Structures are given as C-alpha cells and as structure tokens.
Amino acid sequence: MAEDCIFCKIIKGEIPSPRVYEDDKMIVINDVAPAAPVHMLLLPKNHTANVTTADPELVAYMLSKVQMLAEKAGIADKGFRVVINTGMDGGQTVNHLHIHVLGGKALGWPPC
C-alpha cells in the first residue's frame, strides 16, 4: 500500500466508499465523478502504479470479472466500455492501477 494513494486509503477503509464487489484480489467501487450512468472502478488491493507495472495475471483476473460486473449493473446486454488509462498523457489521474467500466447510455467517440 502507498501512504499517499487515495485508492489505497479506500481499500484500507480509511476513506469510506461502498463496494460494488470485493474479493481477495480487488475491490470495485462506483466512480465519485461518473462519466456515464454506470461508472465502476476496479481496483487491485495491492498497490501497483499502472497496467505496465502490474502482474499480467492480475490484469487478466480483473478483466475476467468485467462481464459479471456488467451483468450485475444491468449494462451487459446493451454494451459498455472498458478503459485503462496509463500515465499523464493517457489520462491517468490516480497513480494506482484502475479499470473503468462505463455504460448505461450510448457512449460517444472519442471517449474523452
């Protein structure tokens, strides 16, 4: 865990955030500034800066849960977007790997 990381503080329970899903490897919360009616964040429990520094098996595991989470949120049938921002130019605002799952409306292009 990183002391100054907001996601690590959420994972440790220091900052309250209701969990949509939790297991031994990750938690899923709703984004506090949603870009769509459904905007979940998948956060690994162990701190890693981004997708390039993460264990590929962890990333694969997290992605394997996306369909189940989309079904639970009611967005699986109509479609959804999965986004992993990496680095400053990639739009990553928190230096802790997180996967966005967005849906609940038609999403335009480009995604920003």
PDB file of N, CA and C in Angstrom:
ATOM      1  N   MET A   1       0.840  -1.184   0.000  1.00  0.00           N
ATOM      2  CA  MET A   1       0.000   0.000   0.000  1.00  0.00           C
ATOM      3  C   MET A   1       0.885   1.248   0.000  1.00  0.00           C
ATOM      4  N   ALA A   2       0.400   2.264  -0.675  1.00  0.00           N
ATOM      5  CA  ALA A   2       1.112   3.538  -0.702  1.00  0.00           C
ATOM      6  C   ALA A   2       0.383   4.509   0.216  1.00  0.00           C
ATOM      7  N   GLU A   3       1.107   5.132   1.122  1.00  0.00           N
ATOM      8  CA  GLU A   3       0.503   6.015   2.128  1.00  0.00           C
ATOM      9  C   GLU A   3      -0.291   7.169   1.543  1.00  0.00           C
ATOM     10  N   ASP A   4       0.183   7.749   0.447  1.00  0.00           N
ATOM     11  CA  ASP A   4      -0.469   8.929  -0.104  1.00  0.00           C
ATOM     12  C   ASP A   4      -1.453   8.615  -1.233  1.00  0.00           C
ATOM     13  N   CYS A   5      -1.758   7.352  -1.454  1.00  0.00           N
ATOM     14  CA  CYS A   5      -2.627   6.938  -2.550  1.00  0.00           C
ATOM     15  C   CYS A   5      -4.087   6.898  -2.087  1.00  0.00           C
ATOM     16  N   ILE A   6      -4.946   7.654  -2.751  1.00  0.00           N
ATOM     17  CA  ILE A   6      -6.367   7.697  -2.371  1.00  0.00           C
ATOM     18  C   ILE A   6      -7.031   6.330  -2.534  1.00  0.00           C
ATOM     19  N   PHE A   7      -6.657   5.582  -3.564  1.00  0.00           N
ATOM     20  CA  PHE A   7      -7.264   4.262  -3.745  1.00  0.00           C
ATOM     21  C   PHE A   7      -6.805   3.291  -2.656  1.00  0.00           C
ATOM     22  N   CYS A   8      -5.557   3.378  -2.226  1.00  0.00           N
ATOM     23  CA  CYS A   8      -5.095   2.544  -1.116  1.00  0.00           C
ATOM     24  C   CYS A   8      -5.867   2.876   0.162  1.00  0.00           C
ATOM     25  N   LYS A   9      -6.147   4.150   0.369  1.00  0.00           N
ATOM     26  CA  LYS A   9      -6.927   4.565   1.550  1.00  0.00           C
ATOM     27  C   LYS A   9      -8.354   4.031   1.469  1.00  0.00           C
ATOM     28  N   ILE A  10      -8.942   4.016   0.277  1.00  0.00           N
ATOM     29  CA  ILE A  10     -10.285   3.443   0.103  1.00  0.00           C
ATOM     30  C   ILE A  10     -10.240   1.943   0.377  1.00  0.00           C
ATOM     31  N   ILE A  11      -9.251   1.258  -0.164  1.00  0.00           N
ATOM     32  CA  ILE A  11      -9.126  -0.188   0.024  1.00  0.00           C
ATOM     33  C   ILE A  11      -8.966  -0.528   1.505  1.00  0.00           C
ATOM     34  N   LYS A  12      -8.178   0.277   2.237  1.00  0.00           N
ATOM     35  CA  LYS A  12      -7.964   0.034   3.670  1.00  0.00           C
ATOM     36  C   LYS A  12      -9.161   0.454   4.519  1.00  0.00           C
ATOM     37  N   GLY A  13     -10.124   1.152   3.929  1.00  0.00           N
ATOM     38  CA  GLY A  13     -11.296   1.604   4.678  1.00  0.00           C
ATOM     39  C   GLY A  13     -11.107   2.945   5.356  1.00  0.00           C
ATOM     40  N   GLU A  14      -9.991   3.622   5.097  1.00  0.00           N
ATOM     41  CA  GLU A  14      -9.743   4.934   5.691  1.00  0.00           C
ATOM     42  C   GLU A  14     -10.636   6.009   5.072  1.00  0.00           C
ATOM     43  N   ILE A  15     -11.016   5.812   3.833  1.00  0.00           N
ATOM     44  CA  ILE A  15     -11.967   6.693   3.144  1.00  0.00           C
ATOM     45  C   ILE A  15     -13.162   5.820   2.794  1.00  0.00           C
ATOM     46  N   PRO A  16     -14.345   6.163   3.327  1.00  0.00           N
ATOM     47  CA  PRO A  16     -15.500   5.315   3.044  1.00  0.00           C
ATOM     48  C   PRO A  16     -15.902   5.366   1.575  1.00  0.00           C
ATOM     49  N   SER A  17     -16.174   4.202   1.017  1.00  0.00           N
ATOM     50  CA  SER A  17     -16.670   4.079  -0.344  1.00  0.00           C
ATOM     51  C   SER A  17     -17.367   2.728  -0.453  1.00  0.00           C
ATOM     52  N   PRO A  18     -18.676   2.753  -0.673  1.00  0.00           N
ATOM     53  CA  PRO A  18     -19.386   1.468  -0.760  1.00  0.00           C
ATOM     54  C   PRO A  18     -18.816   0.595  -1.870  1.00  0.00           C
ATOM     55  N   ARG A  19     -18.666  -0.662  -1.575  1.00  0.00           N
ATOM     56  CA  ARG A  19     -18.117  -1.614  -2.540  1.00  0.00           C
ATOM     57  C   ARG A  19     -19.243  -2.250  -3.348  1.00  0.00           C
ATOM     58  N   VAL A  20     -19.049  -2.264  -4.656  1.00  0.00           N
ATOM     59  CA  VAL A  20     -19.965  -2.951  -5.562  1.00  0.00           C
ATOM     60  C   VAL A  20     -19.639  -4.440  -5.550  1.00  0.00           C
ATOM     61  N   TYR A  21     -18.353  -4.742  -5.390  1.00  0.00           N
ATOM     62  CA  TYR A  21     -17.866  -6.119  -5.396  1.00  0.00           C
ATOM     63  C   TYR A  21     -16.532  -6.129  -4.664  1.00  0.00           C
ATOM     64  N   GLU A  22     -16.225  -7.261  -4.033  1.00  0.00           N
ATOM     65  CA  GLU A  22     -14.922  -7.410  -3.384  1.00  0.00           C
ATOM     66  C   GLU A  22     -14.554  -8.886  -3.338  1.00  0.00           C
ATOM     67  N   ASP A  23     -13.279  -9.149  -3.566  1.00  0.00           N
ATOM     68  CA  ASP A  23     -12.733 -10.482  -3.350  1.00  0.00           C
ATOM     69  C   ASP A  23     -11.321 -10.310  -2.811  1.00  0.00           C
ATOM     70  N   ASP A  24     -10.545 -11.368  -2.794  1.00  0.00           N
ATOM     71  CA  ASP A  24      -9.217 -11.293  -2.191  1.00  0.00           C
ATOM     72  C   ASP A  24      -8.211 -10.500  -3.020  1.00  0.00           C
ATOM     73  N   LYS A  25      -8.501 -10.240  -4.299  1.00  0.00           N
ATOM     74  CA  LYS A  25      -7.553  -9.548  -5.167  1.00  0.00           C
ATOM     75  C   LYS A  25      -7.926  -8.095  -5.474  1.00  0.00           C
ATOM     76  N   MET A  26      -9.224  -7.761  -5.407  1.00  0.00           N
ATOM     77  CA  MET A  26      -9.642  -6.420  -5.819  1.00  0.00           C
ATOM     78  C   MET A  26     -10.944  -6.002  -5.158  1.00  0.00           C
ATOM     79  N   ILE A  27     -11.189  -4.703  -5.241  1.00  0.00           N
ATOM     80  CA  ILE A  27     -12.497  -4.171  -4.885  1.00  0.00           C
ATOM     81  C   ILE A  27     -13.021  -3.418  -6.099  1.00  0.00           C
ATOM     82  N   VAL A  28     -14.331  -3.246  -6.128  1.00  0.00           N
ATOM     83  CA  VAL A  28     -14.970  -2.469  -7.179  1.00  0.00           C
ATOM     84  C   VAL A  28     -15.859  -1.442  -6.493  1.00  0.00           C
ATOM     85  N   ILE A  29     -15.690  -0.181  -6.893  1.00  0.00           N
ATOM     86  CA  ILE A  29     -16.487   0.912  -6.347  1.00  0.00           C
ATOM     87  C   ILE A  29     -17.093   1.699  -7.500  1.00  0.00           C
ATOM     88  N   ASN A  30     -18.068   2.528  -7.184  1.00  0.00           N
ATOM     89  CA  ASN A  30     -18.599   3.458  -8.171  1.00  0.00           C
ATOM     90  C   ASN A  30     -17.733   4.706  -8.179  1.00  0.00           C
ATOM     91  N   ASP A  31     -17.467   5.245  -9.361  1.00  0.00           N
ATOM     92  CA  ASP A  31     -16.668   6.454  -9.503  1.00  0.00           C
ATOM     93  C   ASP A  31     -17.412   7.628  -8.873  1.00  0.00           C
ATOM     94  N   VAL A  32     -16.708   8.478  -8.123  1.00  0.00           N
ATOM     95  CA  VAL A  32     -17.345   9.629  -7.479  1.00  0.00           C
ATOM     96  C   VAL A  32     -17.681  10.738  -8.469  1.00  0.00           C
ATOM     97  N   ALA A  33     -17.074  10.705  -9.645  1.00  0.00           N
ATOM     98  CA  ALA A  33     -17.372  11.674 -10.708  1.00  0.00           C
ATOM     99  C   ALA A  33     -17.700  10.886 -11.978  1.00  0.00           C
ATOM    100  N   PRO A  34     -18.868  10.237 -12.004  1.00  0.00           N
ATOM    101  CA  PRO A  34     -19.172   9.328 -13.109  1.00  0.00           C
ATOM    102  C   PRO A  34     -19.288  10.025 -14.458  1.00  0.00           C
ATOM    103  N   ALA A  35     -18.745   9.360 -15.479  1.00  0.00           N
ATOM    104  CA  ALA A  35     -18.826   9.843 -16.857  1.00  0.00           C
ATOM    105  C   ALA A  35     -19.962   9.161 -17.617  1.00  0.00           C
ATOM    106  N   ALA A  36     -20.705   8.299 -16.934  1.00  0.00           N
ATOM    107  CA  ALA A  36     -21.841   7.584 -17.513  1.00  0.00           C
ATOM    108  C   ALA A  36     -22.745   7.177 -16.353  1.00  0.00           C
ATOM    109  N   PRO A  37     -23.998   6.794 -16.645  1.00  0.00           N
ATOM    110  CA  PRO A  37     -24.883   6.368 -15.561  1.00  0.00           C
ATOM    111  C   PRO A  37     -24.305   5.235 -14.706  1.00  0.00           C
ATOM    112  N   VAL A  38     -23.578   4.323 -15.332  1.00  0.00           N
ATOM    113  CA  VAL A  38     -22.831   3.299 -14.594  1.00  0.00           C
ATOM    114  C   VAL A  38     -21.358   3.563 -14.860  1.00  0.00           C
ATOM    115  N   HIS A  39     -20.600   3.765 -13.789  1.00  0.00           N
ATOM    116  CA  HIS A  39     -19.161   4.023 -13.917  1.00  0.00           C
ATOM    117  C   HIS A  39     -18.473   3.390 -12.710  1.00  0.00           C
ATOM    118  N   MET A  40     -18.026   2.164 -12.911  1.00  0.00           N
ATOM    119  CA  MET A  40     -17.357   1.420 -11.847  1.00  0.00           C
ATOM    120  C   MET A  40     -15.844   1.495 -12.021  1.00  0.00           C
ATOM    121  N   LEU A  41     -15.129   1.403 -10.907  1.00  0.00           N
ATOM    122  CA  LEU A  41     -13.670   1.336 -10.905  1.00  0.00           C
ATOM    123  C   LEU A  41     -13.248   0.026 -10.260  1.00  0.00           C
ATOM    124  N   LEU A  42     -12.458  -0.749 -10.974  1.00  0.00           N
ATOM    125  CA  LEU A  42     -11.897  -1.989 -10.453  1.00  0.00           C
ATOM    126  C   LEU A  42     -10.503  -1.666  -9.936  1.00  0.00           C
ATOM    127  N   LEU A  43     -10.279  -1.884  -8.657  1.00  0.00           N
ATOM    128  CA  LEU A  43      -9.021  -1.517  -8.000  1.00  0.00           C
ATOM    129  C   LEU A  43      -8.341  -2.747  -7.418  1.00  0.00           C
ATOM    130  N   PRO A  44      -7.104  -3.050  -7.813  1.00  0.00           N
ATOM    131  CA  PRO A  44      -6.401  -4.158  -7.164  1.00  0.00           C
ATOM    132  C   PRO A  44      -6.069  -3.779  -5.722  1.00  0.00           C
ATOM    133  N   LYS A  45      -6.153  -4.742  -4.835  1.00  0.00           N
ATOM    134  CA  LYS A  45      -5.878  -4.466  -3.417  1.00  0.00           C
ATOM    135  C   LYS A  45      -4.410  -4.148  -3.170  1.00  0.00           C
ATOM    136  N   ASN A  46      -3.520  -4.721  -3.956  1.00  0.00           N
ATOM    137  CA  ASN A  46      -2.101  -4.401  -3.817  1.00  0.00           C
ATOM    138  C   ASN A  46      -1.766  -3.236  -4.726  1.00  0.00           C
ATOM    139  N   HIS A  47      -1.078  -2.254  -4.192  1.00  0.00           N
ATOM    140  CA  HIS A  47      -0.741  -1.063  -4.962  1.00  0.00           C
ATOM    141  C   HIS A  47       0.216  -1.397  -6.109  1.00  0.00           C
ATOM    142  N   THR A  48      -0.158  -0.970  -7.273  1.00  0.00           N
ATOM    143  CA  THR A  48       0.708  -1.001  -8.443  1.00  0.00           C
ATOM    144  C   THR A  48       0.348   0.230  -9.257  1.00  0.00           C
ATOM    145  N   ALA A  49       1.335   0.900  -9.806  1.00  0.00           N
ATOM    146  CA  ALA A  49       1.122   2.214 -10.409  1.00  0.00           C
ATOM    147  C   ALA A  49       0.171   2.193 -11.608  1.00  0.00           C
ATOM    148  N   ASN A  50       0.342   1.231 -12.502  1.00  0.00           N
ATOM    149  CA  ASN A  50      -0.493   1.230 -13.709  1.00  0.00           C
ATOM    150  C   ASN A  50      -0.407  -0.131 -14.386  1.00  0.00           C
ATOM    151  N   VAL A  51      -1.028  -0.236 -15.534  1.00  0.00           N
ATOM    152  CA  VAL A  51      -1.100  -1.529 -16.225  1.00  0.00           C
ATOM    153  C   VAL A  51       0.283  -2.017 -16.675  1.00  0.00           C
ATOM    154  N   THR A  52       1.220  -1.103 -16.904  1.00  0.00           N
ATOM    155  CA  THR A  52       2.546  -1.521 -17.363  1.00  0.00           C
ATOM    156  C   THR A  52       3.408  -2.077 -16.232  1.00  0.00           C
ATOM    157  N   THR A  53       3.072  -1.759 -14.990  1.00  0.00           N
ATOM    158  CA  THR A  53       3.838  -2.262 -13.846  1.00  0.00           C
ATOM    159  C   THR A  53       3.135  -3.416 -13.141  1.00  0.00           C
ATOM    160  N   ALA A  54       1.911  -3.710 -13.554  1.00  0.00           N
ATOM    161  CA  ALA A  54       1.104  -4.734 -12.897  1.00  0.00           C
ATOM    162  C   ALA A  54       1.477  -6.133 -13.378  1.00  0.00           C
ATOM    163  N   ASP A  55       1.213  -7.092 -12.535  1.00  0.00           N
ATOM    164  CA  ASP A  55       1.350  -8.500 -12.898  1.00  0.00           C
ATOM    165  C   ASP A  55       0.299  -8.792 -13.973  1.00  0.00           C
ATOM    166  N   PRO A  56       0.698  -9.285 -15.140  1.00  0.00           N
ATOM    167  CA  PRO A  56      -0.277  -9.568 -16.199  1.00  0.00           C
ATOM    168  C   PRO A  56      -1.393 -10.527 -15.768  1.00  0.00           C
ATOM    169  N   GLU A  57      -1.077 -11.448 -14.874  1.00  0.00           N
ATOM    170  CA  GLU A  57      -2.119 -12.359 -14.379  1.00  0.00           C
ATOM    171  C   GLU A  57      -3.167 -11.621 -13.566  1.00  0.00           C
ATOM    172  N   LEU A  58      -2.747 -10.598 -12.824  1.00  0.00           N
ATOM    173  CA  LEU A  58      -3.697  -9.784 -12.062  1.00  0.00           C
ATOM    174  C   LEU A  58      -4.613  -9.017 -13.010  1.00  0.00           C
ATOM    175  N   VAL A  59      -4.042  -8.410 -14.036  1.00  0.00           N
ATOM    176  CA  VAL A  59      -4.844  -7.661 -15.011  1.00  0.00           C
ATOM    177  C   VAL A  59      -5.837  -8.606 -15.690  1.00  0.00           C
ATOM    178  N   ALA A  60      -5.384  -9.784 -16.077  1.00  0.00           N
ATOM    179  CA  ALA A  60      -6.271 -10.770 -16.702  1.00  0.00           C
ATOM    180  C   ALA A  60      -7.385 -11.172 -15.736  1.00  0.00           C
ATOM    181  N   TYR A  61      -7.042 -11.366 -14.488  1.00  0.00           N
ATOM    182  CA  TYR A  61      -8.046 -11.719 -13.485  1.00  0.00           C
ATOM    183  C   TYR A  61      -9.102 -10.618 -13.369  1.00  0.00           C
ATOM    184  N   MET A  62      -8.640  -9.369 -13.273  1.00  0.00           N
ATOM    185  CA  MET A  62      -9.571  -8.247 -13.139  1.00  0.00           C
ATOM    186  C   MET A  62     -10.492  -8.160 -14.357  1.00  0.00           C
ATOM    187  N   LEU A  63      -9.908  -8.315 -15.541  1.00  0.00           N
ATOM    188  CA  LEU A  63     -10.718  -8.262 -16.758  1.00  0.00           C
ATOM    189  C   LEU A  63     -11.696  -9.437 -16.828  1.00  0.00           C
ATOM    190  N   SER A  64     -11.349 -10.558 -16.229  1.00  0.00           N
ATOM    191  CA  SER A  64     -12.250 -11.711 -16.244  1.00  0.00           C
ATOM    192  C   SER A  64     -13.520 -11.463 -15.445  1.00  0.00           C
ATOM    193  N   LYS A  65     -13.528 -10.456 -14.591  1.00  0.00           N
ATOM    194  CA  LYS A  65     -14.701 -10.131 -13.765  1.00  0.00           C
ATOM    195  C   LYS A  65     -15.612  -9.095 -14.423  1.00  0.00           C
ATOM    196  N   VAL A  66     -15.179  -8.502 -15.529  1.00  0.00           N
ATOM    197  CA  VAL A  66     -15.940  -7.406 -16.155  1.00  0.00           C
ATOM    198  C   VAL A  66     -17.331  -7.851 -16.593  1.00  0.00           C
ATOM    199  N   GLN A  67     -17.458  -8.985 -17.248  1.00  0.00           N
ATOM    200  CA  GLN A  67     -18.768  -9.444 -17.716  1.00  0.00           C
ATOM    201  C   GLN A  67     -19.738  -9.625 -16.547  1.00  0.00           C
ATOM    202  N   MET A  68     -19.293 -10.268 -15.475  1.00  0.00           N
ATOM    203  CA  MET A  68     -20.132 -10.471 -14.304  1.00  0.00           C
ATOM    204  C   MET A  68     -20.573  -9.135 -13.718  1.00  0.00           C
ATOM    205  N   LEU A  69     -19.646  -8.186 -13.624  1.00  0.00           N
ATOM    206  CA  LEU A  69     -19.977  -6.868 -13.080  1.00  0.00           C
ATOM    207  C   LEU A  69     -20.949  -6.115 -13.986  1.00  0.00           C
ATOM    208  N   ALA A  70     -20.754  -6.220 -15.294  1.00  0.00           N
ATOM    209  CA  ALA A  70     -21.669  -5.575 -16.246  1.00  0.00           C
ATOM    210  C   ALA A  70     -23.064  -6.179 -16.139  1.00  0.00           C
ATOM    211  N   GLU A  71     -23.140  -7.486 -15.976  1.00  0.00           N
ATOM    212  CA  GLU A  71     -24.445  -8.131 -15.798  1.00  0.00           C
ATOM    213  C   GLU A  71     -25.103  -7.662 -14.510  1.00  0.00           C
ATOM    214  N   LYS A  72     -24.334  -7.619 -13.438  1.00  0.00           N
ATOM    215  CA  LYS A  72     -24.845  -7.179 -12.136  1.00  0.00           C
ATOM    216  C   LYS A  72     -25.362  -5.741 -12.210  1.00  0.00           C
ATOM    217  N   ALA A  73     -24.706  -4.896 -13.005  1.00  0.00           N
ATOM    218  CA  ALA A  73     -25.090  -3.487 -13.140  1.00  0.00           C
ATOM    219  C   ALA A  73     -26.186  -3.266 -14.189  1.00  0.00           C
ATOM    220  N   GLY A  74     -26.540  -4.326 -14.912  1.00  0.00           N
ATOM    221  CA  GLY A  74     -27.594  -4.215 -15.915  1.00  0.00           C
ATOM    222  C   GLY A  74     -27.171  -3.570 -17.220  1.00  0.00           C
ATOM    223  N   ILE A  75     -25.876  -3.605 -17.532  1.00  0.00           N
ATOM    224  CA  ILE A  75     -25.386  -2.969 -18.765  1.00  0.00           C
ATOM    225  C   ILE A  75     -24.818  -3.971 -19.766  1.00  0.00           C
ATOM    226  N   ALA A  76     -24.839  -5.246 -19.442  1.00  0.00           N
ATOM    227  CA  ALA A  76     -24.199  -6.249 -20.300  1.00  0.00           C
ATOM    228  C   ALA A  76     -24.890  -6.389 -21.649  1.00  0.00           C
ATOM    229  N   ASP A  77     -26.200  -6.362 -21.673  1.00  0.00           N
ATOM    230  CA  ASP A  77     -26.925  -6.611 -22.921  1.00  0.00           C
ATOM    231  C   ASP A  77     -26.766  -5.505 -23.957  1.00  0.00           C
ATOM    232  N   LYS A  78     -26.784  -4.252 -23.525  1.00  0.00           N
ATOM    233  CA  LYS A  78     -26.719  -3.136 -24.476  1.00  0.00           C
ATOM    234  C   LYS A  78     -25.288  -2.714 -24.795  1.00  0.00           C
ATOM    235  N   GLY A  79     -24.348  -3.091 -23.959  1.00  0.00           N
ATOM    236  CA  GLY A  79     -22.945  -2.769 -24.210  1.00  0.00           C
ATOM    237  C   GLY A  79     -22.369  -1.818 -23.186  1.00  0.00           C
ATOM    238  N   PHE A  80     -21.055  -1.800 -23.145  1.00  0.00           N
ATOM    239  CA  PHE A  80     -20.330  -0.987 -22.166  1.00  0.00           C
ATOM    240  C   PHE A  80     -18.919  -0.761 -22.668  1.00  0.00           C
ATOM    241  N   ARG A  81     -18.202   0.102 -21.997  1.00  0.00           N
ATOM    242  CA  ARG A  81     -16.819   0.416 -22.355  1.00  0.00           C
ATOM    243  C   ARG A  81     -15.910   0.051 -21.187  1.00  0.00           C
ATOM    244  N   VAL A  82     -14.730  -0.495 -21.510  1.00  0.00           N
ATOM    245  CA  VAL A  82     -13.697  -0.808 -20.526  1.00  0.00           C
ATOM    246  C   VAL A  82     -12.484   0.038 -20.874  1.00  0.00           C
ATOM    247  N   VAL A  83     -11.984   0.790 -19.892  1.00  0.00           N
ATOM    248  CA  VAL A  83     -10.886   1.728 -20.138  1.00  0.00           C
ATOM    249  C   VAL A  83      -9.816   1.556 -19.067  1.00  0.00           C
ATOM    250  N   ILE A  84      -8.555   1.546 -19.499  1.00  0.00           N
ATOM    251  CA  ILE A  84      -7.419   1.577 -18.575  1.00  0.00           C
ATOM    252  C   ILE A  84      -6.537   2.747 -19.007  1.00  0.00           C
ATOM    253  N   ASN A  85      -6.618   3.843 -18.286  1.00  0.00           N
ATOM    254  CA  ASN A  85      -5.762   4.998 -18.566  1.00  0.00           C
ATOM    255  C   ASN A  85      -4.384   4.730 -17.972  1.00  0.00           C
ATOM    256  N   THR A  86      -3.346   5.118 -18.705  1.00  0.00           N
ATOM    257  CA  THR A  86      -1.982   4.863 -18.249  1.00  0.00           C
ATOM    258  C   THR A  86      -1.129   6.105 -18.453  1.00  0.00           C
ATOM    259  N   GLY A  87      -0.589   6.637 -17.358  1.00  0.00           N
ATOM    260  CA  GLY A  87       0.288   7.796 -17.421  1.00  0.00           C
ATOM    261  C   GLY A  87      -0.463   9.103 -17.635  1.00  0.00           C
ATOM    262  N   MET A  88       0.259  10.188 -17.463  1.00  0.00           N
ATOM    263  CA  MET A  88      -0.323  11.525 -17.547  1.00  0.00           C
ATOM    264  C   MET A  88      -0.968  11.778 -18.906  1.00  0.00           C
ATOM    265  N   ASP A  89      -0.260  11.509 -19.980  1.00  0.00           N
ATOM    266  CA  ASP A  89      -0.822  11.749 -21.310  1.00  0.00           C
ATOM    267  C   ASP A  89      -1.964  10.794 -21.630  1.00  0.00           C
ATOM    268  N   GLY A  90      -2.026   9.670 -20.947  1.00  0.00           N
ATOM    269  CA  GLY A  90      -3.112   8.716 -21.137  1.00  0.00           C
ATOM    270  C   GLY A  90      -4.337   9.016 -20.290  1.00  0.00           C
ATOM    271  N   GLY A  91      -4.266  10.083 -19.489  1.00  0.00           N
ATOM    272  CA  GLY A  91      -5.408  10.485 -18.681  1.00  0.00           C
ATOM    273  C   GLY A  91      -5.490   9.849 -17.310  1.00  0.00           C
ATOM    274  N   GLN A  92      -4.420   9.178 -16.861  1.00  0.00           N
ATOM    275  CA  GLN A  92      -4.439   8.564 -15.533  1.00  0.00           C
ATOM    276  C   GLN A  92      -4.270   9.639 -14.476  1.00  0.00           C
ATOM    277  N   THR A  93      -5.282   9.807 -13.623  1.00  0.00           N
ATOM    278  CA  THR A  93      -5.241  10.861 -12.609  1.00  0.00           C
ATOM    279  C   THR A  93      -4.869  10.338 -11.221  1.00  0.00           C
ATOM    280  N   VAL A  94      -4.981   9.039 -10.999  1.00  0.00           N
ATOM    281  CA  VAL A  94      -4.552   8.423  -9.736  1.00  0.00           C
ATOM    282  C   VAL A  94      -3.535   7.347 -10.089  1.00  0.00           C
ATOM    283  N   ASN A  95      -2.373   7.430  -9.474  1.00  0.00           N
ATOM    284  CA  ASN A  95      -1.264   6.542  -9.801  1.00  0.00           C
ATOM    285  C   ASN A  95      -1.405   5.199  -9.075  1.00  0.00           C
ATOM    286  N   HIS A  96      -2.517   4.543  -9.333  1.00  0.00           N
ATOM    287  CA  HIS A  96      -2.825   3.202  -8.817  1.00  0.00           C
ATOM    288  C   HIS A  96      -3.656   2.572  -9.927  1.00  0.00           C
ATOM    289  N   LEU A  97      -3.220   1.428 -10.426  1.00  0.00           N
ATOM    290  CA  LEU A  97      -3.954   0.774 -11.500  1.00  0.00           C
ATOM    291  C   LEU A  97      -5.444   0.752 -11.188  1.00  0.00           C
ATOM    292  N   HIS A  98      -6.256   1.159 -12.141  1.00  0.00           N
ATOM    293  CA  HIS A  98      -7.705   1.027 -12.016  1.00  0.00           C
ATOM    294  C   HIS A  98      -8.312   0.869 -13.395  1.00  0.00           C
ATOM    295  N   ILE A  99      -9.330   0.036 -13.454  1.00  0.00           N
ATOM    296  CA  ILE A  99     -10.017  -0.248 -14.703  1.00  0.00           C
ATOM    297  C   ILE A  99     -11.412   0.345 -14.610  1.00  0.00           C
ATOM    298  N   HIS A 100     -11.744   1.186 -15.585  1.00  0.00           N
ATOM    299  CA  HIS A 100     -13.074   1.789 -15.646  1.00  0.00           C
ATOM    300  C   HIS A 100     -14.005   0.877 -16.437  1.00  0.00           C
ATOM    301  N   VAL A 101     -15.238   0.711 -15.955  1.00  0.00           N
ATOM    302  CA  VAL A 101     -16.304   0.063 -16.703  1.00  0.00           C
ATOM    303  C   VAL A 101     -17.452   1.063 -16.743  1.00  0.00           C
ATOM    304  N   LEU A 102     -17.790   1.502 -17.967  1.00  0.00           N
ATOM    305  CA  LEU A 102     -18.804   2.542 -18.147  1.00  0.00           C
ATOM    306  C   LEU A 102     -19.944   2.033 -19.020  1.00  0.00           C
ATOM    307  N   GLY A 103     -21.147   2.429 -18.705  1.00  0.00           N
ATOM    308  CA  GLY A 103     -22.293   2.042 -19.504  1.00  0.00           C
ATOM    309  C   GLY A 103     -23.556   2.704 -19.012  1.00  0.00           C
ATOM    310  N   GLY A 104     -24.671   2.212 -19.520  1.00  0.00           N
ATOM    311  CA  GLY A 104     -25.960   2.752 -19.115  1.00  0.00           C
ATOM    312  C   GLY A 104     -26.512   3.797 -20.057  1.00  0.00           C
ATOM    313  N   LYS A 105     -25.765   4.115 -21.119  1.00  0.00           N
ATOM    314  CA  LYS A 105     -26.204   5.027 -22.166  1.00  0.00           C
ATOM    315  C   LYS A 105     -25.311   4.799 -23.377  1.00  0.00           C
ATOM    316  N   ALA A 106     -25.722   5.337 -24.519  1.00  0.00           N
ATOM    317  CA  ALA A 106     -24.854   5.272 -25.699  1.00  0.00           C
ATOM    318  C   ALA A 106     -23.645   6.151 -25.442  1.00  0.00           C
ATOM    319  N   LEU A 107     -22.473   5.575 -25.573  1.00  0.00           N
ATOM    320  CA  LEU A 107     -21.225   6.299 -25.323  1.00  0.00           C
ATOM    321  C   LEU A 107     -20.644   6.768 -26.647  1.00  0.00           C
ATOM    322  N   GLY A 108     -20.347   8.039 -26.727  1.00  0.00           N
ATOM    323  CA  GLY A 108     -19.808   8.606 -27.965  1.00  0.00           C
ATOM    324  C   GLY A 108     -18.346   8.294 -28.163  1.00  0.00           C
ATOM    325  N   TRP A 109     -17.830   8.734 -29.297  1.00  0.00           N
ATOM    326  CA  TRP A 109     -16.421   8.580 -29.620  1.00  0.00           C
ATOM    327  C   TRP A 109     -15.899   9.908 -30.094  1.00  0.00           C
ATOM    328  N   PRO A 110     -14.745  10.384 -29.717  1.00  0.00           N
ATOM    329  CA  PRO A 110     -13.786   9.691 -28.845  1.00  0.00           C
ATOM    330  C   PRO A 110     -14.272   9.673 -27.405  1.00  0.00           C
ATOM    331  N   PRO A 111     -13.691   8.783 -26.586  1.00  0.00           N
ATOM    332  CA  PRO A 111     -14.171   8.603 -25.222  1.00  0.00           C
ATOM    333  C   PRO A 111     -13.863   9.741 -24.273  1.00  0.00           C
ATOM    334  N   CYS A 112     -13.042  10.725 -24.665  1.00  0.00           N
ATOM    335  CA  CYS A 112     -12.720  11.801 -23.736  1.00  0.00           C
ATOM    336  C   CYS A 112     -13.634  12.991 -23.927  1.00  0.00           C
TER     337      CYS A 112
END
